[in-house]
Amino acid sequence: MEAKEQGLLIVLSGPSGVGKGTVCAALRKRDVPFTYSISVTTRPPREGEVDGVNYFFKTKEEFENMIKRDEFLEWARYVNHYYGTPRRYVEEQLNAGRDVLLEIEVQGALQVKKKFPQGIFIFLVPPSLKELEQRIVSRGTESRDVIHNRMVVAREELEMMKHYDYVVVNDKVELACDRIEAIILAEHCKRERMMKHYITALKEAE
């Protein structure tokens, strides 16, 4: 009795500087069985980047046509280039039974939630605002004014926590990864998901 369980769309976001990229990199090193979402962009490929591996590279016209056809779970424009999460690619992975991890900013995550409310939305937070500011300062790449503005935005983004299913504190990267893996395991074991899985399998066995 077998029936393929659909994968989970896991959306990870949080305020700037909280360490989303670091946590995702650590999850990769653990060989967690995720498929990482590949974005579509209109910027030119950098040396060594491969279409369909690093990004799906499109022209501005192609991207705008995709917007018109509602082919993105979310999209935005940064520094004169478009970036977006392709709905078809994500759905193909999910239908194949693969979990898809999407690391994204808060506004993009809210776009995804409108179109894909069944996703699992995880909000990564710092241990404190003071710690978040220290992390940004320690980069040594931004002026005091920029840091102040980032903290103002971070406070606004923290208020968006109410739109998420889970909140994970990134006090230590390894502990944050443990918590995220535990959330995914629990989601796969939910009654609603398991019942659907076995009802389908029983029907196919008749």
C-alpha atoms as a PDB file:
ATOM      1  CA  MET A   1       0.000   0.000   0.000  1.00  0.00           C
ATOM      2  CA  GLU A   2       1.828   3.075  -1.218  1.00  0.00           C
ATOM      3  CA  ALA A   3       0.810   6.565  -2.173  1.00  0.00           C
ATOM      4  CA  LYS A   4       3.207   9.377  -2.883  1.00  0.00           C
ATOM      5  CA  GLU A   5       2.999  12.072  -0.253  1.00  0.00           C
ATOM      6  CA  GLN A   6       3.164  15.588  -1.607  1.00  0.00           C
ATOM      7  CA  GLY A   7       6.175  17.572  -0.478  1.00  0.00           C
ATOM      8  CA  LEU A   8       6.030  20.572   1.813  1.00  0.00           C
ATOM      9  CA  LEU A   9       6.779  24.144   0.831  1.00  0.00           C
ATOM     10  CA  ILE A  10       8.833  25.537   3.703  1.00  0.00           C
ATOM     11  CA  VAL A  11       9.189  29.317   3.682  1.00  0.00           C
ATOM     12  CA  LEU A  12      11.934  30.711   5.910  1.00  0.00           C
ATOM     13  CA  SER A  13      12.153  34.429   6.476  1.00  0.00           C
ATOM     14  CA  GLY A  14      12.879  37.024   9.136  1.00  0.00           C
ATOM     15  CA  PRO A  15      14.361  40.479   9.611  1.00  0.00           C
ATOM     16  CA  SER A  16      17.509  41.494   7.759  1.00  0.00           C
ATOM     17  CA  GLY A  17      20.635  40.384   9.577  1.00  0.00           C
ATOM     18  CA  VAL A  18      19.005  37.539  11.475  1.00  0.00           C
ATOM     19  CA  GLY A  19      21.092  34.912   9.667  1.00  0.00           C
ATOM     20  CA  LYS A  20      18.710  33.272   7.198  1.00  0.00           C
ATOM     21  CA  GLY A  21      21.482  32.534   4.705  1.00  0.00           C
ATOM     22  CA  THR A  22      23.766  31.124   7.383  1.00  0.00           C
ATOM     23  CA  VAL A  23      21.055  28.805   8.689  1.00  0.00           C
ATOM     24  CA  CYS A  24      20.177  27.598   5.179  1.00  0.00           C
ATOM     25  CA  ALA A  25      23.862  26.951   4.431  1.00  0.00           C
ATOM     26  CA  ALA A  26      24.110  24.902   7.630  1.00  0.00           C
ATOM     27  CA  LEU A  27      21.033  22.891   6.646  1.00  0.00           C
ATOM     28  CA  ARG A  28      22.681  22.133   3.295  1.00  0.00           C
ATOM     29  CA  LYS A  29      25.772  20.783   5.050  1.00  0.00           C
ATOM     30  CA  ARG A  30      23.545  18.460   7.077  1.00  0.00           C
ATOM     31  CA  ASP A  31      22.257  16.891   3.855  1.00  0.00           C
ATOM     32  CA  VAL A  32      18.686  17.656   4.860  1.00  0.00           C
ATOM     33  CA  PRO A  33      16.531  16.315   1.976  1.00  0.00           C
ATOM     34  CA  PHE A  34      15.254  19.677   0.754  1.00  0.00           C
ATOM     35  CA  THR A  35      15.056  21.005  -2.755  1.00  0.00           C
ATOM     36  CA  TYR A  36      16.118  24.630  -2.696  1.00  0.00           C
ATOM     37  CA  SER A  37      13.912  26.866  -4.793  1.00  0.00           C
ATOM     38  CA  ILE A  38      15.593  28.297  -7.889  1.00  0.00           C
ATOM     39  CA  SER A  39      14.666  31.897  -8.631  1.00  0.00           C
ATOM     40  CA  VAL A  40      14.049  33.527 -11.978  1.00  0.00           C
ATOM     41  CA  THR A  41      16.045  36.698 -12.665  1.00  0.00           C
ATOM     42  CA  THR A  42      16.645  39.189 -15.439  1.00  0.00           C
ATOM     43  CA  ARG A  43      20.188  40.023 -14.366  1.00  0.00           C
ATOM     44  CA  PRO A  44      22.964  38.574 -16.546  1.00  0.00           C
ATOM     45  CA  PRO A  45      24.688  35.377 -15.363  1.00  0.00           C
ATOM     46  CA  ARG A  46      27.868  35.825 -13.365  1.00  0.00           C
ATOM     47  CA  GLU A  47      30.954  33.771 -14.151  1.00  0.00           C
ATOM     48  CA  GLY A  48      30.333  30.134 -13.310  1.00  0.00           C
ATOM     49  CA  GLU A  49      26.557  30.456 -12.925  1.00  0.00           C
ATOM     50  CA  VAL A  50      24.449  27.918 -14.819  1.00  0.00           C
ATOM     51  CA  ASP A  51      20.906  28.428 -16.090  1.00  0.00           C
ATOM     52  CA  GLY A  52      18.531  26.114 -14.237  1.00  0.00           C
ATOM     53  CA  VAL A  53      21.051  25.534 -11.430  1.00  0.00           C
ATOM     54  CA  ASN A  54      21.822  28.913  -9.893  1.00  0.00           C
ATOM     55  CA  TYR A  55      18.941  30.822 -11.486  1.00  0.00           C
ATOM     56  CA  PHE A  56      16.553  30.642 -14.396  1.00  0.00           C
ATOM     57  CA  PHE A  57      17.832  33.538 -16.521  1.00  0.00           C
ATOM     58  CA  LYS A  58      15.190  35.441 -18.501  1.00  0.00           C
ATOM     59  CA  THR A  59      14.966  38.654 -20.472  1.00  0.00           C
ATOM     60  CA  LYS A  60      12.962  41.557 -19.061  1.00  0.00           C
ATOM     61  CA  GLU A  61      10.233  40.905 -21.647  1.00  0.00           C
ATOM     62  CA  GLU A  62      10.064  37.205 -20.763  1.00  0.00           C
ATOM     63  CA  PHE A  63       9.852  38.003 -17.049  1.00  0.00           C
ATOM     64  CA  GLU A  64       7.107  40.591 -17.514  1.00  0.00           C
ATOM     65  CA  ASN A  65       5.125  38.115 -19.609  1.00  0.00           C
ATOM     66  CA  MET A  66       5.462  35.600 -16.765  1.00  0.00           C
ATOM     67  CA  ILE A  67       4.051  38.222 -14.393  1.00  0.00           C
ATOM     68  CA  LYS A  68       1.063  38.732 -16.697  1.00  0.00           C
ATOM     69  CA  ARG A  69       0.454  34.975 -16.771  1.00  0.00           C
ATOM     70  CA  ASP A  70       0.632  34.830 -12.944  1.00  0.00           C
ATOM     71  CA  GLU A  71       3.548  32.388 -13.054  1.00  0.00           C
ATOM     72  CA  PHE A  72       5.226  33.586  -9.856  1.00  0.00           C
ATOM     73  CA  LEU A  73       4.537  32.787  -6.221  1.00  0.00           C
ATOM     74  CA  GLU A  74       6.247  36.102  -5.528  1.00  0.00           C
ATOM     75  CA  TRP A  75       8.414  38.590  -7.369  1.00  0.00           C
ATOM     76  CA  ALA A  76      10.190  41.876  -6.786  1.00  0.00           C
ATOM     77  CA  ARG A  77      12.509  44.306  -8.494  1.00  0.00           C
ATOM     78  CA  TYR A  78      15.961  45.099  -7.082  1.00  0.00           C
ATOM     79  CA  VAL A  79      18.557  47.421  -8.651  1.00  0.00           C
ATOM     80  CA  ASN A  80      16.839  47.451 -12.062  1.00  0.00           C
ATOM     81  CA  HIS A  81      16.512  43.666 -12.245  1.00  0.00           C
ATOM     82  CA  TYR A  82      13.564  41.368 -11.559  1.00  0.00           C
ATOM     83  CA  TYR A  83      13.690  38.363  -9.234  1.00  0.00           C
ATOM     84  CA  GLY A  84      10.890  35.882  -8.646  1.00  0.00           C
ATOM     85  CA  THR A  85       9.937  32.424  -7.412  1.00  0.00           C
ATOM     86  CA  PRO A  86       8.495  30.347 -10.285  1.00  0.00           C
ATOM     87  CA  ARG A  87       5.240  28.628  -9.368  1.00  0.00           C
ATOM     88  CA  ARG A  88       5.639  25.789 -11.916  1.00  0.00           C
ATOM     89  CA  TYR A  89       9.082  24.699 -10.698  1.00  0.00           C
ATOM     90  CA  VAL A  90       7.969  24.675  -7.053  1.00  0.00           C
ATOM     91  CA  GLU A  91       4.771  22.749  -7.809  1.00  0.00           C
ATOM     92  CA  GLU A  92       6.667  20.160  -9.898  1.00  0.00           C
ATOM     93  CA  GLN A  93       9.007  19.494  -6.966  1.00  0.00           C
ATOM     94  CA  LEU A  94       6.149  19.268  -4.467  1.00  0.00           C
ATOM     95  CA  ASN A  95       4.141  16.914  -6.688  1.00  0.00           C
ATOM     96  CA  ALA A  96       7.222  14.685  -6.943  1.00  0.00           C
ATOM     97  CA  GLY A  97       7.153  14.372  -3.150  1.00  0.00           C
ATOM     98  CA  ARG A  98      10.103  16.666  -2.484  1.00  0.00           C
ATOM     99  CA  ASP A  99      10.137  19.303   0.230  1.00  0.00           C
ATOM    100  CA  VAL A 100      11.053  22.746  -1.101  1.00  0.00           C
ATOM    101  CA  LEU A 101      12.844  25.327   1.046  1.00  0.00           C
ATOM    102  CA  LEU A 102      12.371  28.951   0.099  1.00  0.00           C
ATOM    103  CA  GLU A 103      14.564  31.520   1.871  1.00  0.00           C
ATOM    104  CA  ILE A 104      12.973  34.881   1.302  1.00  0.00           C
ATOM    105  CA  GLU A 105      12.345  38.339   2.717  1.00  0.00           C
ATOM    106  CA  VAL A 106       9.206  39.065   4.727  1.00  0.00           C
ATOM    107  CA  GLN A 107       7.276  40.897   1.994  1.00  0.00           C
ATOM    108  CA  GLY A 108       7.930  38.098  -0.476  1.00  0.00           C
ATOM    109  CA  ALA A 109       6.805  35.517   2.076  1.00  0.00           C
ATOM    110  CA  LEU A 110       3.480  37.301   2.485  1.00  0.00           C
ATOM    111  CA  GLN A 111       2.999  37.193  -1.295  1.00  0.00           C
ATOM    112  CA  VAL A 112       3.652  33.439  -1.219  1.00  0.00           C
ATOM    113  CA  LYS A 113       1.172  32.936   1.622  1.00  0.00           C
ATOM    114  CA  LYS A 114      -1.617  34.538  -0.407  1.00  0.00           C
ATOM    115  CA  LYS A 115      -1.035  32.147  -3.302  1.00  0.00           C
ATOM    116  CA  PHE A 116       0.092  29.080  -1.352  1.00  0.00           C
ATOM    117  CA  PRO A 117      -1.471  29.242   2.144  1.00  0.00           C
ATOM    118  CA  GLN A 118      -0.806  25.527   2.756  1.00  0.00           C
ATOM    119  CA  GLY A 119       2.917  26.246   2.964  1.00  0.00           C
ATOM    120  CA  ILE A 120       4.826  26.019   6.240  1.00  0.00           C
ATOM    121  CA  PHE A 121       5.909  29.517   7.248  1.00  0.00           C
ATOM    122  CA  ILE A 122       8.835  29.791   9.672  1.00  0.00           C
ATOM    123  CA  PHE A 123       9.975  33.120  11.094  1.00  0.00           C
ATOM    124  CA  LEU A 124      13.602  33.309  12.187  1.00  0.00           C
ATOM    125  CA  VAL A 125      14.272  35.778  15.004  1.00  0.00           C
ATOM    126  CA  PRO A 126      17.364  36.953  16.893  1.00  0.00           C
ATOM    127  CA  PRO A 127      17.652  36.370  20.652  1.00  0.00           C
ATOM    128  CA  SER A 128      17.110  40.125  21.096  1.00  0.00           C
ATOM    129  CA  LEU A 129      17.094  43.375  19.130  1.00  0.00           C
ATOM    130  CA  LYS A 130      20.384  44.294  20.781  1.00  0.00           C
ATOM    131  CA  GLU A 131      21.927  41.078  19.463  1.00  0.00           C
ATOM    132  CA  LEU A 132      20.533  41.757  15.983  1.00  0.00           C
ATOM    133  CA  GLU A 133      22.080  45.234  15.945  1.00  0.00           C
ATOM    134  CA  GLN A 134      25.412  43.821  17.088  1.00  0.00           C
ATOM    135  CA  ARG A 135      25.381  41.287  14.257  1.00  0.00           C
ATOM    136  CA  ILE A 136      24.802  44.036  11.703  1.00  0.00           C
ATOM    137  CA  VAL A 137      27.502  46.239  13.265  1.00  0.00           C
ATOM    138  CA  SER A 138      30.004  43.357  13.318  1.00  0.00           C
ATOM    139  CA  ARG A 139      29.839  43.107   9.527  1.00  0.00           C
ATOM    140  CA  GLY A 140      31.696  46.410   9.409  1.00  0.00           C
ATOM    141  CA  THR A 141      30.264  47.241   6.000  1.00  0.00           C
ATOM    142  CA  GLU A 142      27.604  49.852   6.814  1.00  0.00           C
ATOM    143  CA  SER A 143      27.461  53.358   8.279  1.00  0.00           C
ATOM    144  CA  ARG A 144      25.654  54.216  11.511  1.00  0.00           C
ATOM    145  CA  ASP A 145      22.798  55.784   9.511  1.00  0.00           C
ATOM    146  CA  VAL A 146      22.344  52.622   7.444  1.00  0.00           C
ATOM    147  CA  ILE A 147      22.442  50.481  10.581  1.00  0.00           C
ATOM    148  CA  HIS A 148      19.819  52.711  12.223  1.00  0.00           C
ATOM    149  CA  ASN A 149      17.559  52.402   9.175  1.00  0.00           C
ATOM    150  CA  ARG A 150      18.023  48.613   9.132  1.00  0.00           C
ATOM    151  CA  MET A 151      16.961  48.431  12.769  1.00  0.00           C
ATOM    152  CA  VAL A 152      13.854  50.512  12.074  1.00  0.00           C
ATOM    153  CA  VAL A 153      12.920  48.107   9.271  1.00  0.00           C
ATOM    154  CA  ALA A 154      13.753  45.105  11.483  1.00  0.00           C
ATOM    155  CA  ARG A 155      11.307  46.291  14.141  1.00  0.00           C
ATOM    156  CA  GLU A 156       8.609  46.634  11.476  1.00  0.00           C
ATOM    157  CA  GLU A 157       9.392  43.158  10.128  1.00  0.00           C
ATOM    158  CA  LEU A 158       9.250  41.604  13.599  1.00  0.00           C
ATOM    159  CA  GLU A 159       5.652  42.781  13.831  1.00  0.00           C
ATOM    160  CA  MET A 160       4.901  40.522  10.826  1.00  0.00           C
ATOM    161  CA  MET A 161       5.621  37.470  12.988  1.00  0.00           C
ATOM    162  CA  LYS A 162       1.852  37.067  13.459  1.00  0.00           C
ATOM    163  CA  HIS A 163       1.520  35.845   9.856  1.00  0.00           C
ATOM    164  CA  TYR A 164       3.788  32.819  10.417  1.00  0.00           C
ATOM    165  CA  ASP A 165       3.143  29.305  11.712  1.00  0.00           C
ATOM    166  CA  TYR A 166       6.363  28.911  13.704  1.00  0.00           C
ATOM    167  CA  VAL A 167       8.996  31.137  15.273  1.00  0.00           C
ATOM    168  CA  VAL A 168      12.588  29.885  15.584  1.00  0.00           C
ATOM    169  CA  VAL A 169      15.168  31.736  17.663  1.00  0.00           C
ATOM    170  CA  ASN A 170      18.562  31.861  15.971  1.00  0.00           C
ATOM    171  CA  ASP A 171      20.697  31.974  19.115  1.00  0.00           C
ATOM    172  CA  LYS A 172      23.048  29.297  17.813  1.00  0.00           C
ATOM    173  CA  VAL A 173      22.958  28.158  14.185  1.00  0.00           C
ATOM    174  CA  GLU A 174      23.044  24.438  15.008  1.00  0.00           C
ATOM    175  CA  LEU A 175      20.171  24.778  17.472  1.00  0.00           C
ATOM    176  CA  ALA A 176      18.132  26.782  14.950  1.00  0.00           C
ATOM    177  CA  CYS A 177      18.683  23.989  12.400  1.00  0.00           C
ATOM    178  CA  ASP A 178      17.578  21.384  14.960  1.00  0.00           C
ATOM    179  CA  ARG A 179      14.358  23.316  15.544  1.00  0.00           C
ATOM    180  CA  ILE A 180      13.619  23.693  11.843  1.00  0.00           C
ATOM    181  CA  GLU A 181      14.184  19.981  11.220  1.00  0.00           C
ATOM    182  CA  ALA A 182      11.868  19.172  14.148  1.00  0.00           C
ATOM    183  CA  ILE A 183       9.151  21.399  12.680  1.00  0.00           C
ATOM    184  CA  ILE A 184       9.371  19.679   9.300  1.00  0.00           C
ATOM    185  CA  LEU A 185       9.250  16.221  10.865  1.00  0.00           C
ATOM    186  CA  ALA A 186       6.202  17.195  12.931  1.00  0.00           C
ATOM    187  CA  GLU A 187       4.459  18.634   9.853  1.00  0.00           C
ATOM    188  CA  HIS A 188       4.948  15.370   7.954  1.00  0.00           C
ATOM    189  CA  CYS A 189       3.388  13.501  10.885  1.00  0.00           C
ATOM    190  CA  LYS A 190       0.281  15.671  11.142  1.00  0.00           C
ATOM    191  CA  ARG A 191      -2.966  13.719  11.281  1.00  0.00           C
ATOM    192  CA  GLU A 192      -4.517  15.543   8.334  1.00  0.00           C
ATOM    193  CA  ARG A 193      -1.536  14.803   6.118  1.00  0.00           C
ATOM    194  CA  MET A 194      -1.264  11.151   7.166  1.00  0.00           C
ATOM    195  CA  MET A 195      -5.010  10.517   6.761  1.00  0.00           C
ATOM    196  CA  LYS A 196      -4.984  11.938   3.264  1.00  0.00           C
ATOM    197  CA  HIS A 197      -1.954   9.814   2.427  1.00  0.00           C
ATOM    198  CA  TYR A 198      -3.517   6.533   3.605  1.00  0.00           C
ATOM    199  CA  ILE A 199      -7.024   7.197   2.279  1.00  0.00           C
ATOM    200  CA  THR A 200      -5.482   7.680  -1.173  1.00  0.00           C
ATOM    201  CA  ALA A 201      -3.410   4.527  -0.786  1.00  0.00           C
ATOM    202  CA  LEU A 202      -6.427   2.454   0.282  1.00  0.00           C
ATOM    203  CA  LYS A 203      -8.453   3.628  -2.706  1.00  0.00           C
ATOM    204  CA  GLU A 204      -5.626   2.703  -5.041  1.00  0.00           C
ATOM    205  CA  ALA A 205      -5.448  -0.767  -3.437  1.00  0.00           C
ATOM    206  CA  GLU A 206      -9.134  -1.553  -4.101  1.00  0.00           C
END
